Amino acid sequence: AAAVLYLLLPYTATMTGRVDHVLPGALVLWAIAAYRRPFLAGVLMGLAIGTIYYPVFLLPLWCSFYWERGVRRFALGVAAALATLVVALWLTSPDGTVFLGQLRQMFGWIFPNEVSLEGFWALPAQDAVYRLPVLAAFVAMMSTLAIWPAPKNLGTLMSCTAVVLLGSQFWKAHNGGLFMAWWLPVLLLVVFRPNLENRVAMLMLAPEWFPRRRAA
């Protein structure tokens, strides 16, 4: 039902060919599907960050979910994916200057007052300085969701993931609000999800890296 509803939206027909629209949301969606394997979920999240850096704001939330069990494996997966992307970027860059420029773009190392505005924030009636309080409110929301509620179950993780990705659209300088594919798949999962209160890391994850198969 969630997939059919997603395919019925005009946005899907218009923007599916845009990699920067579809790929980050797809990787985050597969990270949720692989939540029982923290390392794999971390790898997928790292690839999403390398595609477009905005999923980096999900790291405090996801680390909070895995805090009781699996946070080290998740962090190692994120670090491994990012390190692989950086090495691939180095091998494909013609010189160091190009590499540093692309690396800065990959991780969003741009001050808010230096970015070129497009979309809503580029309108003559909108002063760019108002992005700063919106960004501060977003950081406050992201920090609050990382702390509360605790512990988090899978339903909470999906809901807060959709909220963080949606919140990033309000201060995004480049066509903010148009990247629906970042948060829409996760939001549809929230709408159609069953009761997931018992899906917490302490109960669903194995305490060992390579869990032994139980005897029948």
N, C-alpha and C. Protein backbone atom coordinates (compact mmCIF):
# COMPACT_ATOMS: atom_id res chain seq x y z
N ALA A 1 0.83 -1.20 0.00
CA ALA A 1 0.00 0.00 0.00
C ALA A 1 0.87 1.26 0.00
N ALA A 2 1.96 1.25 0.79
CA ALA A 2 2.85 2.40 0.82
C ALA A 2 3.52 2.62 -0.53
N ALA A 3 3.95 1.52 -1.17
CA ALA A 3 4.61 1.65 -2.47
C ALA A 3 3.65 2.17 -3.53
N VAL A 4 2.40 1.70 -3.53
CA VAL A 4 1.42 2.16 -4.51
C VAL A 4 1.12 3.64 -4.30
N LEU A 5 0.98 4.06 -3.04
CA LEU A 5 0.73 5.47 -2.76
C LEU A 5 1.89 6.34 -3.21
N TYR A 6 3.11 5.86 -3.03
CA TYR A 6 4.28 6.61 -3.49
C TYR A 6 4.30 6.73 -5.01
N LEU A 7 3.95 5.65 -5.71
CA LEU A 7 3.98 5.67 -7.17
C LEU A 7 2.86 6.52 -7.76
N LEU A 8 1.78 6.73 -7.02
CA LEU A 8 0.66 7.52 -7.52
C LEU A 8 0.93 9.02 -7.48
N LEU A 9 1.94 9.45 -6.74
CA LEU A 9 2.21 10.87 -6.60
C LEU A 9 2.81 11.44 -7.88
N PRO A 10 2.37 12.61 -8.34
CA PRO A 10 2.99 13.24 -9.51
C PRO A 10 4.48 13.52 -9.31
N TYR A 11 4.88 13.79 -8.07
CA TYR A 11 6.30 14.03 -7.80
C TYR A 11 7.16 12.85 -8.23
N THR A 12 6.66 11.62 -8.01
CA THR A 12 7.44 10.43 -8.37
C THR A 12 7.70 10.38 -9.86
N ALA A 13 6.71 10.71 -10.66
CA ALA A 13 6.90 10.68 -12.11
C ALA A 13 7.81 11.80 -12.59
N THR A 14 7.86 12.90 -11.85
CA THR A 14 8.65 14.05 -12.28
C THR A 14 10.10 13.95 -11.87
N MET A 15 10.38 13.46 -10.66
CA MET A 15 11.71 13.56 -10.08
C MET A 15 12.43 12.22 -9.90
N THR A 16 11.85 11.11 -10.34
CA THR A 16 12.50 9.83 -10.14
C THR A 16 13.84 9.75 -10.85
N GLY A 17 13.99 10.43 -11.97
CA GLY A 17 15.26 10.40 -12.69
C GLY A 17 16.36 11.22 -12.06
N ARG A 18 16.07 11.99 -11.02
CA ARG A 18 17.07 12.80 -10.34
C ARG A 18 17.72 12.00 -9.23
N VAL A 19 19.01 11.72 -9.37
CA VAL A 19 19.70 10.89 -8.39
C VAL A 19 19.74 11.58 -7.03
N ASP A 20 19.97 12.91 -7.01
CA ASP A 20 20.06 13.60 -5.74
C ASP A 20 18.72 13.64 -5.01
N HIS A 21 17.62 13.39 -5.72
CA HIS A 21 16.32 13.32 -5.07
C HIS A 21 16.06 11.92 -4.51
N VAL A 22 16.28 10.90 -5.31
CA VAL A 22 15.79 9.56 -4.98
C VAL A 22 16.80 8.75 -4.17
N LEU A 23 18.09 8.82 -4.52
CA LEU A 23 19.06 7.91 -3.93
C LEU A 23 19.23 8.09 -2.42
N PRO A 24 19.34 9.31 -1.87
CA PRO A 24 19.50 9.42 -0.41
C PRO A 24 18.34 8.81 0.35
N GLY A 25 17.10 9.08 -0.09
CA GLY A 25 15.95 8.50 0.58
C GLY A 25 15.92 6.99 0.49
N ALA A 26 16.33 6.45 -0.67
CA ALA A 26 16.36 4.99 -0.83
C ALA A 26 17.38 4.35 0.12
N LEU A 27 18.55 4.97 0.24
CA LEU A 27 19.57 4.43 1.14
C LEU A 27 19.13 4.49 2.60
N VAL A 28 18.49 5.58 2.99
CA VAL A 28 17.97 5.68 4.36
C VAL A 28 16.89 4.63 4.59
N LEU A 29 16.06 4.41 3.58
CA LEU A 29 15.00 3.40 3.70
C LEU A 29 15.58 2.00 3.89
N TRP A 30 16.64 1.67 3.14
CA TRP A 30 17.27 0.37 3.29
C TRP A 30 18.03 0.27 4.62
N ALA A 31 18.51 1.40 5.13
CA ALA A 31 19.13 1.38 6.46
C ALA A 31 18.11 1.02 7.53
N ILE A 32 16.88 1.51 7.38
CA ILE A 32 15.83 1.14 8.32
C ILE A 32 15.50 -0.34 8.18
N ALA A 33 15.47 -0.83 6.94
CA ALA A 33 15.18 -2.25 6.73
C ALA A 33 16.26 -3.14 7.34
N ALA A 34 17.49 -2.64 7.41
CA ALA A 34 18.62 -3.43 7.95
C ALA A 34 18.95 -3.04 9.38
N TYR A 35 17.97 -2.56 10.14
CA TYR A 35 18.27 -2.06 11.49
C TYR A 35 18.78 -3.15 12.42
N ARG A 36 18.46 -4.42 12.12
CA ARG A 36 18.97 -5.52 12.97
C ARG A 36 20.47 -5.76 12.75
N ARG A 37 21.03 -5.22 11.70
CA ARG A 37 22.46 -5.34 11.41
C ARG A 37 23.07 -3.94 11.45
N PRO A 38 23.55 -3.52 12.61
CA PRO A 38 24.01 -2.13 12.76
C PRO A 38 25.13 -1.75 11.80
N PHE A 39 26.05 -2.67 11.52
CA PHE A 39 27.14 -2.33 10.61
C PHE A 39 26.62 -2.04 9.22
N LEU A 40 25.72 -2.89 8.71
CA LEU A 40 25.14 -2.67 7.39
C LEU A 40 24.31 -1.39 7.36
N ALA A 41 23.55 -1.15 8.42
CA ALA A 41 22.78 0.09 8.49
C ALA A 41 23.70 1.31 8.48
N GLY A 42 24.85 1.21 9.17
CA GLY A 42 25.81 2.29 9.17
C GLY A 42 26.43 2.51 7.80
N VAL A 43 26.71 1.44 7.08
CA VAL A 43 27.26 1.56 5.73
C VAL A 43 26.27 2.28 4.81
N LEU A 44 25.01 1.88 4.88
CA LEU A 44 23.99 2.52 4.04
C LEU A 44 23.82 3.99 4.41
N MET A 45 23.87 4.29 5.72
CA MET A 45 23.75 5.69 6.13
C MET A 45 24.96 6.50 5.67
N GLY A 46 26.16 5.90 5.74
CA GLY A 46 27.35 6.58 5.24
C GLY A 46 27.27 6.86 3.75
N LEU A 47 26.74 5.91 2.98
CA LEU A 47 26.57 6.14 1.54
C LEU A 47 25.57 7.26 1.27
N ALA A 48 24.51 7.31 2.08
CA ALA A 48 23.54 8.41 1.93
C ALA A 48 24.17 9.75 2.23
N ILE A 49 25.03 9.81 3.25
CA ILE A 49 25.72 11.06 3.58
C ILE A 49 26.66 11.46 2.45
N GLY A 50 27.33 10.48 1.85
CA GLY A 50 28.22 10.78 0.74
C GLY A 50 27.49 11.24 -0.51
N THR A 51 26.25 10.81 -0.68
CA THR A 51 25.46 11.24 -1.84
C THR A 51 25.03 12.70 -1.70
N ILE A 52 24.46 13.05 -0.57
CA ILE A 52 24.05 14.42 -0.24
C ILE A 52 24.16 14.51 1.27
N TYR A 53 24.88 15.51 1.76
CA TYR A 53 25.35 15.46 3.16
C TYR A 53 24.26 15.61 4.21
N TYR A 54 23.04 15.96 3.83
CA TYR A 54 22.00 16.24 4.83
C TYR A 54 21.67 15.05 5.73
N PRO A 55 21.76 13.78 5.31
CA PRO A 55 21.53 12.69 6.26
C PRO A 55 22.51 12.64 7.42
N VAL A 56 23.58 13.45 7.40
CA VAL A 56 24.49 13.48 8.54
C VAL A 56 23.76 13.93 9.80
N PHE A 57 22.67 14.68 9.66
CA PHE A 57 21.91 15.12 10.82
C PHE A 57 21.11 13.99 11.46
N LEU A 58 21.08 12.83 10.81
CA LEU A 58 20.42 11.66 11.40
C LEU A 58 21.33 10.89 12.35
N LEU A 59 22.62 11.15 12.32
CA LEU A 59 23.55 10.36 13.12
C LEU A 59 23.28 10.43 14.62
N PRO A 60 23.03 11.62 15.23
CA PRO A 60 22.71 11.61 16.66
C PRO A 60 21.48 10.77 16.99
N LEU A 61 20.46 10.84 16.14
CA LEU A 61 19.24 10.07 16.38
C LEU A 61 19.52 8.57 16.29
N TRP A 62 20.22 8.14 15.27
CA TRP A 62 20.49 6.72 15.09
C TRP A 62 21.46 6.19 16.14
N CYS A 63 22.43 6.98 16.53
CA CYS A 63 23.32 6.56 17.61
C CYS A 63 22.56 6.41 18.92
N SER A 64 21.56 7.27 19.14
CA SER A 64 20.73 7.13 20.32
C SER A 64 19.91 5.85 20.29
N PHE A 65 19.43 5.47 19.11
CA PHE A 65 18.68 4.21 18.98
C PHE A 65 19.56 3.01 19.31
N TYR A 66 20.80 3.03 18.84
CA TYR A 66 21.72 1.91 19.05
C TYR A 66 22.55 2.05 20.33
N TRP A 67 22.26 3.03 21.16
CA TRP A 67 23.14 3.33 22.28
C TRP A 67 23.27 2.15 23.24
N GLU A 68 22.18 1.47 23.54
CA GLU A 68 22.23 0.35 24.47
C GLU A 68 22.95 -0.85 23.88
N ARG A 69 22.89 -0.99 22.59
CA ARG A 69 23.55 -2.12 21.92
C ARG A 69 23.68 -1.82 20.44
N GLY A 70 24.91 -1.91 19.92
CA GLY A 70 25.14 -1.78 18.49
C GLY A 70 25.70 -0.45 18.03
N VAL A 71 25.91 0.51 18.94
CA VAL A 71 26.35 1.83 18.49
C VAL A 71 27.75 1.78 17.89
N ARG A 72 28.63 0.93 18.42
CA ARG A 72 29.98 0.84 17.87
C ARG A 72 29.97 0.25 16.47
N ARG A 73 29.17 -0.77 16.26
CA ARG A 73 29.07 -1.37 14.93
C ARG A 73 28.47 -0.38 13.93
N PHE A 74 27.46 0.37 14.37
CA PHE A 74 26.86 1.37 13.49
C PHE A 74 27.86 2.46 13.13
N ALA A 75 28.58 2.97 14.12
CA ALA A 75 29.57 4.03 13.85
C ALA A 75 30.69 3.52 12.94
N LEU A 76 31.09 2.26 13.14
CA LEU A 76 32.13 1.69 12.28
C LEU A 76 31.65 1.55 10.85
N GLY A 77 30.38 1.19 10.65
CA GLY A 77 29.84 1.10 9.30
C GLY A 77 29.79 2.45 8.61
N VAL A 78 29.37 3.50 9.34
CA VAL A 78 29.36 4.85 8.77
C VAL A 78 30.76 5.28 8.39
N ALA A 79 31.73 5.07 9.30
CA ALA A 79 33.11 5.47 9.03
C ALA A 79 33.69 4.71 7.85
N ALA A 80 33.39 3.40 7.74
CA ALA A 80 33.91 2.61 6.63
C ALA A 80 33.36 3.09 5.29
N ALA A 81 32.06 3.40 5.24
CA ALA A 81 31.46 3.88 4.00
C ALA A 81 32.03 5.23 3.59
N LEU A 82 32.16 6.15 4.56
CA LEU A 82 32.69 7.47 4.24
C LEU A 82 34.16 7.39 3.81
N ALA A 83 34.94 6.53 4.48
CA ALA A 83 36.34 6.38 4.10
C ALA A 83 36.46 5.81 2.69
N THR A 84 35.61 4.87 2.33
CA THR A 84 35.62 4.32 0.98
C THR A 84 35.28 5.38 -0.06
N LEU A 85 34.29 6.22 0.24
CA LEU A 85 33.92 7.28 -0.69
C LEU A 85 35.03 8.31 -0.85
N VAL A 86 35.71 8.64 0.25
CA VAL A 86 36.80 9.61 0.18
C VAL A 86 37.95 9.05 -0.66
N VAL A 87 38.29 7.78 -0.47
CA VAL A 87 39.35 7.16 -1.25
C VAL A 87 38.97 7.12 -2.73
N ALA A 88 37.71 6.77 -3.03
CA ALA A 88 37.27 6.75 -4.42
C ALA A 88 37.31 8.15 -5.03
N LEU A 89 36.97 9.15 -4.22
CA LEU A 89 37.03 10.53 -4.71
C LEU A 89 38.47 10.95 -4.99
N TRP A 90 39.40 10.52 -4.13
CA TRP A 90 40.81 10.84 -4.33
C TRP A 90 41.35 10.19 -5.61
N LEU A 91 40.96 8.94 -5.86
CA LEU A 91 41.46 8.23 -7.03
C LEU A 91 40.89 8.79 -8.33
N THR A 92 39.72 9.40 -8.28
CA THR A 92 39.09 9.92 -9.49
C THR A 92 39.31 11.41 -9.70
N SER A 93 39.99 12.08 -8.76
CA SER A 93 40.23 13.52 -8.89
C SER A 93 41.54 13.76 -9.63
N PRO A 94 41.58 14.73 -10.56
CA PRO A 94 42.81 14.97 -11.32
C PRO A 94 43.92 15.60 -10.49
N ASP A 95 43.58 16.40 -9.48
CA ASP A 95 44.61 17.03 -8.66
C ASP A 95 44.04 17.30 -7.28
N GLY A 96 44.91 17.79 -6.37
CA GLY A 96 44.50 18.01 -5.00
C GLY A 96 43.48 19.12 -4.84
N THR A 97 43.55 20.14 -5.67
CA THR A 97 42.59 21.24 -5.56
C THR A 97 41.17 20.78 -5.88
N VAL A 98 41.04 20.01 -6.94
CA VAL A 98 39.73 19.48 -7.30
C VAL A 98 39.23 18.53 -6.22
N PHE A 99 40.14 17.71 -5.66
CA PHE A 99 39.75 16.78 -4.61
C PHE A 99 39.22 17.51 -3.39
N LEU A 100 39.91 18.57 -2.95
CA LEU A 100 39.47 19.31 -1.79
C LEU A 100 38.13 20.01 -2.04
N GLY A 101 37.94 20.52 -3.26
CA GLY A 101 36.68 21.16 -3.58
C GLY A 101 35.52 20.18 -3.57
N GLN A 102 35.73 19.00 -4.16
CA GLN A 102 34.68 18.00 -4.17
C GLN A 102 34.44 17.43 -2.78
N LEU A 103 35.52 17.30 -1.98
CA LEU A 103 35.35 16.82 -0.62
C LEU A 103 34.56 17.81 0.23
N ARG A 104 34.83 19.08 0.03
CA ARG A 104 34.07 20.11 0.76
C ARG A 104 32.61 20.07 0.36
N GLN A 105 32.33 19.86 -0.91
CA GLN A 105 30.95 19.79 -1.37
C GLN A 105 30.26 18.53 -0.84
N MET A 106 30.98 17.42 -0.77
CA MET A 106 30.40 16.17 -0.31
C MET A 106 29.92 16.28 1.14
N PHE A 107 30.71 16.91 1.99
CA PHE A 107 30.38 16.99 3.41
C PHE A 107 29.76 18.32 3.82
N GLY A 108 29.48 19.19 2.86
CA GLY A 108 28.78 20.42 3.16
C GLY A 108 29.57 21.39 4.01
N TRP A 109 30.88 21.49 3.78
CA TRP A 109 31.72 22.41 4.56
C TRP A 109 31.58 23.83 4.00
N ILE A 110 30.39 24.38 4.11
CA ILE A 110 30.09 25.71 3.61
C ILE A 110 29.34 26.47 4.70
N PHE A 111 29.78 27.65 5.02
CA PHE A 111 29.10 28.47 6.01
C PHE A 111 27.76 28.93 5.45
N PRO A 112 26.72 29.06 6.31
CA PRO A 112 25.39 29.44 5.81
C PRO A 112 25.38 30.76 5.07
N ASN A 113 26.28 31.71 5.44
CA ASN A 113 26.28 33.01 4.77
C ASN A 113 27.08 33.01 3.47
N GLU A 114 27.70 31.87 3.11
CA GLU A 114 28.48 31.80 1.89
C GLU A 114 27.79 31.02 0.78
N VAL A 115 26.68 30.38 1.09
CA VAL A 115 26.03 29.53 0.11
C VAL A 115 25.18 30.38 -0.82
N SER A 116 25.07 29.94 -2.06
CA SER A 116 24.21 30.62 -3.03
C SER A 116 22.77 30.15 -2.84
N LEU A 117 21.85 31.09 -2.72
CA LEU A 117 20.47 30.78 -2.40
C LEU A 117 19.67 30.53 -3.68
N GLU A 118 18.82 29.50 -3.63
CA GLU A 118 17.92 29.18 -4.72
C GLU A 118 16.56 28.81 -4.13
N GLY A 119 15.51 28.99 -4.90
CA GLY A 119 14.20 28.60 -4.43
C GLY A 119 13.59 29.63 -3.49
N PHE A 120 12.98 29.16 -2.40
CA PHE A 120 12.24 30.03 -1.48
C PHE A 120 13.10 31.13 -0.90
N TRP A 121 14.31 30.79 -0.47
CA TRP A 121 15.16 31.77 0.19
C TRP A 121 15.77 32.78 -0.78
N ALA A 122 15.63 32.55 -2.07
CA ALA A 122 16.15 33.48 -3.06
C ALA A 122 15.13 34.54 -3.46
N LEU A 123 13.90 34.46 -2.96
CA LEU A 123 12.89 35.45 -3.29
C LEU A 123 13.29 36.82 -2.74
N PRO A 124 13.01 37.88 -3.45
CA PRO A 124 13.41 39.23 -2.98
C PRO A 124 12.82 39.60 -1.63
N ALA A 125 11.62 39.06 -1.31
CA ALA A 125 10.98 39.41 -0.05
C ALA A 125 11.56 38.66 1.14
N GLN A 126 12.41 37.66 0.90
CA GLN A 126 12.96 36.85 1.98
C GLN A 126 14.41 37.25 2.23
N ASP A 127 14.66 37.75 3.42
CA ASP A 127 16.03 38.09 3.80
C ASP A 127 16.77 36.83 4.20
N ALA A 128 17.98 36.66 3.69
CA ALA A 128 18.74 35.43 3.96
C ALA A 128 19.08 35.27 5.43
N VAL A 129 19.07 36.36 6.19
CA VAL A 129 19.44 36.26 7.59
C VAL A 129 18.43 35.44 8.39
N TYR A 130 17.20 35.34 7.89
CA TYR A 130 16.19 34.57 8.61
C TYR A 130 16.43 33.08 8.52
N ARG A 131 17.35 32.64 7.66
CA ARG A 131 17.70 31.22 7.65
C ARG A 131 18.42 30.80 8.93
N LEU A 132 19.12 31.74 9.57
CA LEU A 132 19.90 31.39 10.75
C LEU A 132 19.03 30.97 11.94
N PRO A 133 17.97 31.70 12.31
CA PRO A 133 17.11 31.18 13.38
C PRO A 133 16.40 29.89 13.02
N VAL A 134 16.04 29.73 11.73
CA VAL A 134 15.44 28.46 11.31
C VAL A 134 16.44 27.32 11.47
N LEU A 135 17.69 27.56 11.10
CA LEU A 135 18.72 26.55 11.27
C LEU A 135 18.96 26.25 12.75
N ALA A 136 18.94 27.29 13.59
CA ALA A 136 19.12 27.07 15.03
C ALA A 136 17.97 26.25 15.61
N ALA A 137 16.74 26.53 15.17
CA ALA A 137 15.60 25.74 15.63
C ALA A 137 15.72 24.29 15.17
N PHE A 138 16.22 24.08 13.97
CA PHE A 138 16.40 22.71 13.46
C PHE A 138 17.43 21.97 14.30
N VAL A 139 18.54 22.60 14.63
CA VAL A 139 19.57 21.97 15.45
C VAL A 139 19.02 21.64 16.84
N ALA A 140 18.22 22.54 17.40
CA ALA A 140 17.61 22.28 18.71
C ALA A 140 16.66 21.08 18.64
N MET A 141 15.85 21.01 17.57
CA MET A 141 14.95 19.87 17.40
C MET A 141 15.73 18.57 17.24
N MET A 142 16.78 18.60 16.41
CA MET A 142 17.59 17.41 16.18
C MET A 142 18.22 16.92 17.48
N SER A 143 18.73 17.84 18.30
CA SER A 143 19.35 17.47 19.57
C SER A 143 18.32 16.90 20.55
N THR A 144 17.13 17.49 20.56
CA THR A 144 16.08 17.00 21.46
C THR A 144 15.63 15.59 21.09
N LEU A 145 15.47 15.34 19.80
CA LEU A 145 15.05 14.00 19.37
C LEU A 145 16.12 12.96 19.66
N ALA A 146 17.39 13.37 19.68
CA ALA A 146 18.46 12.42 20.01
C ALA A 146 18.43 12.03 21.49
N ILE A 147 17.93 12.93 22.34
CA ILE A 147 17.91 12.66 23.78
C ILE A 147 16.60 12.02 24.22
N TRP A 148 15.50 12.48 23.67
CA TRP A 148 14.17 12.03 24.12
C TRP A 148 13.34 11.61 22.92
N PRO A 149 12.56 10.53 23.00
CA PRO A 149 12.46 9.62 24.15
C PRO A 149 13.59 8.60 24.19
N ALA A 150 13.80 8.00 25.31
CA ALA A 150 14.83 6.98 25.47
C ALA A 150 14.27 5.86 26.36
N PRO A 151 14.50 4.59 25.98
CA PRO A 151 15.11 4.14 24.72
C PRO A 151 14.13 4.26 23.57
N LYS A 152 14.65 4.27 22.37
CA LYS A 152 13.83 4.42 21.18
C LYS A 152 13.53 3.06 20.58
N ASN A 153 12.29 2.88 20.11
CA ASN A 153 11.95 1.69 19.36
C ASN A 153 11.98 2.00 17.87
N LEU A 154 11.71 1.00 17.06
CA LEU A 154 11.80 1.19 15.60
C LEU A 154 10.78 2.20 15.10
N GLY A 155 9.58 2.20 15.69
CA GLY A 155 8.59 3.18 15.28
C GLY A 155 9.03 4.60 15.57
N THR A 156 9.65 4.81 16.74
CA THR A 156 10.18 6.13 17.07
C THR A 156 11.30 6.52 16.12
N LEU A 157 12.17 5.56 15.79
CA LEU A 157 13.27 5.84 14.88
C LEU A 157 12.76 6.28 13.51
N MET A 158 11.77 5.59 12.98
CA MET A 158 11.23 5.96 11.67
C MET A 158 10.56 7.33 11.72
N SER A 159 9.77 7.59 12.77
CA SER A 159 9.07 8.87 12.87
C SER A 159 10.06 10.02 12.98
N CYS A 160 11.05 9.88 13.85
CA CYS A 160 12.02 10.96 14.04
C CYS A 160 12.92 11.14 12.81
N THR A 161 13.21 10.04 12.11
CA THR A 161 13.99 10.15 10.87
C THR A 161 13.24 10.98 9.84
N ALA A 162 11.93 10.71 9.68
CA ALA A 162 11.14 11.49 8.74
C ALA A 162 11.08 12.97 9.16
N VAL A 163 10.98 13.24 10.48
CA VAL A 163 10.90 14.62 10.95
C VAL A 163 12.21 15.36 10.68
N VAL A 164 13.35 14.72 10.94
CA VAL A 164 14.64 15.37 10.73
C VAL A 164 14.86 15.66 9.24
N LEU A 165 14.57 14.69 8.39
CA LEU A 165 14.75 14.91 6.95
C LEU A 165 13.79 15.97 6.42
N LEU A 166 12.56 15.99 6.95
CA LEU A 166 11.62 17.03 6.54
C LEU A 166 12.05 18.40 7.07
N GLY A 167 12.55 18.44 8.30
CA GLY A 167 12.98 19.71 8.86
C GLY A 167 14.14 20.34 8.12
N SER A 168 15.00 19.51 7.54
CA SER A 168 16.13 20.06 6.79
C SER A 168 15.69 20.82 5.55
N GLN A 169 14.46 20.57 5.08
CA GLN A 169 13.97 21.25 3.89
C GLN A 169 13.67 22.73 4.15
N PHE A 170 13.41 23.09 5.40
CA PHE A 170 12.99 24.46 5.70
C PHE A 170 14.16 25.45 5.63
N TRP A 171 15.39 24.98 5.84
CA TRP A 171 16.52 25.91 5.78
C TRP A 171 17.46 25.57 4.63
N LYS A 172 17.15 24.54 3.85
CA LYS A 172 18.00 24.15 2.72
C LYS A 172 18.05 25.29 1.70
N ALA A 173 19.26 25.67 1.32
CA ALA A 173 19.43 26.83 0.44
C ALA A 173 19.09 26.52 -1.01
N HIS A 174 19.29 25.28 -1.45
CA HIS A 174 19.09 24.92 -2.86
C HIS A 174 17.74 24.21 -3.00
N ASN A 175 16.75 24.96 -3.50
CA ASN A 175 15.42 24.37 -3.77
C ASN A 175 14.86 23.67 -2.54
N GLY A 176 14.92 24.33 -1.40
CA GLY A 176 14.38 23.76 -0.18
C GLY A 176 12.89 23.47 -0.30
N GLY A 177 12.48 22.32 0.19
CA GLY A 177 11.10 21.89 0.12
C GLY A 177 10.75 21.03 -1.06
N LEU A 178 11.61 20.97 -2.06
CA LEU A 178 11.31 20.20 -3.27
C LEU A 178 11.82 18.77 -3.21
N PHE A 179 12.69 18.46 -2.26
CA PHE A 179 13.28 17.11 -2.21
C PHE A 179 12.40 16.20 -1.35
N MET A 180 11.23 15.90 -1.85
CA MET A 180 10.28 15.09 -1.10
C MET A 180 10.74 13.64 -0.96
N ALA A 181 11.53 13.15 -1.91
CA ALA A 181 11.95 11.75 -1.87
C ALA A 181 12.90 11.46 -0.72
N TRP A 182 13.44 12.49 -0.07
CA TRP A 182 14.29 12.25 1.09
C TRP A 182 13.48 11.70 2.26
N TRP A 183 12.30 12.30 2.50
CA TRP A 183 11.54 11.96 3.70
C TRP A 183 10.23 11.24 3.41
N LEU A 184 9.73 11.31 2.18
CA LEU A 184 8.42 10.74 1.88
C LEU A 184 8.36 9.22 2.06
N PRO A 185 9.34 8.42 1.60
CA PRO A 185 9.24 6.97 1.84
C PRO A 185 9.19 6.61 3.31
N VAL A 186 10.00 7.28 4.13
CA VAL A 186 9.98 6.99 5.57
C VAL A 186 8.66 7.42 6.18
N LEU A 187 8.12 8.55 5.73
CA LEU A 187 6.83 9.00 6.26
C LEU A 187 5.72 8.02 5.92
N LEU A 188 5.75 7.45 4.71
CA LEU A 188 4.75 6.44 4.35
C LEU A 188 4.88 5.20 5.22
N LEU A 189 6.11 4.83 5.58
CA LEU A 189 6.28 3.71 6.51
C LEU A 189 5.68 4.04 7.87
N VAL A 190 5.83 5.28 8.31
CA VAL A 190 5.24 5.68 9.59
C VAL A 190 3.72 5.57 9.53
N VAL A 191 3.12 5.96 8.40
CA VAL A 191 1.67 5.93 8.27
C VAL A 191 1.15 4.49 8.30
N PHE A 192 1.85 3.58 7.64
CA PHE A 192 1.37 2.21 7.50
C PHE A 192 2.00 1.24 8.49
N ARG A 193 2.82 1.70 9.39
CA ARG A 193 3.55 0.79 10.27
C ARG A 193 2.61 0.13 11.28
N PRO A 194 2.95 -1.10 11.69
CA PRO A 194 2.23 -1.73 12.80
C PRO A 194 2.80 -1.24 14.13
N ASN A 195 2.39 -1.89 15.22
CA ASN A 195 2.92 -1.55 16.53
C ASN A 195 4.35 -2.06 16.65
N LEU A 196 5.29 -1.16 16.91
CA LEU A 196 6.72 -1.51 16.94
C LEU A 196 7.35 -1.16 18.29
N GLU A 197 6.55 -1.14 19.36
CA GLU A 197 7.07 -0.72 20.65
C GLU A 197 8.13 -1.68 21.20
N ASN A 198 8.07 -2.96 20.82
CA ASN A 198 9.05 -3.92 21.33
C ASN A 198 10.29 -4.02 20.46
N ARG A 199 10.36 -3.25 19.37
CA ARG A 199 11.53 -3.30 18.49
C ARG A 199 12.59 -2.32 18.98
N VAL A 200 13.24 -2.65 20.07
CA VAL A 200 14.32 -1.83 20.61
C VAL A 200 15.63 -2.57 20.41
N ALA A 201 16.73 -1.85 20.43
CA ALA A 201 18.03 -2.44 20.12
C ALA A 201 18.41 -3.53 21.11
N MET A 202 18.08 -3.34 22.39
CA MET A 202 18.48 -4.32 23.40
C MET A 202 17.83 -5.68 23.17
N LEU A 203 16.62 -5.68 22.60
CA LEU A 203 15.90 -6.93 22.39
C LEU A 203 16.13 -7.53 21.00
N MET A 204 16.34 -6.70 19.99
CA MET A 204 16.37 -7.17 18.62
C MET A 204 17.77 -7.45 18.09
N LEU A 205 18.81 -6.90 18.73
CA LEU A 205 20.17 -7.07 18.23
C LEU A 205 20.91 -8.13 19.04
N ALA A 206 21.74 -8.89 18.37
CA ALA A 206 22.55 -9.89 19.05
C ALA A 206 23.69 -9.19 19.81
N PRO A 207 24.06 -9.69 20.99
CA PRO A 207 25.14 -9.05 21.74
C PRO A 207 26.51 -9.27 21.13
N GLU A 208 26.63 -10.25 20.22
CA GLU A 208 27.91 -10.56 19.62
C GLU A 208 27.94 -10.04 18.19
N TRP A 209 29.16 -9.88 17.64
CA TRP A 209 29.29 -9.45 16.26
C TRP A 209 28.80 -10.51 15.30
N PHE A 210 29.17 -11.79 15.55
CA PHE A 210 28.74 -12.91 14.73
C PHE A 210 27.90 -13.83 15.62
N PRO A 211 26.60 -13.61 15.71
CA PRO A 211 25.76 -14.43 16.60
C PRO A 211 25.76 -15.89 16.15
N ARG A 212 25.87 -16.78 17.12
CA ARG A 212 25.83 -18.21 16.82
C ARG A 212 24.37 -18.65 16.64
N ARG A 213 24.16 -19.52 15.68
CA ARG A 213 22.80 -20.00 15.41
C ARG A 213 22.38 -20.96 16.52
N ARG A 214 21.19 -20.71 17.05
CA ARG A 214 20.71 -21.55 18.14
C ARG A 214 20.34 -22.95 17.61
N ALA A 215 20.53 -23.90 18.48
CA ALA A 215 20.14 -25.27 18.12
C ALA A 215 18.63 -25.39 18.11
N ALA A 216 18.14 -26.21 17.21
CA ALA A 216 16.70 -26.38 17.10
C ALA A 216 16.17 -27.09 18.35
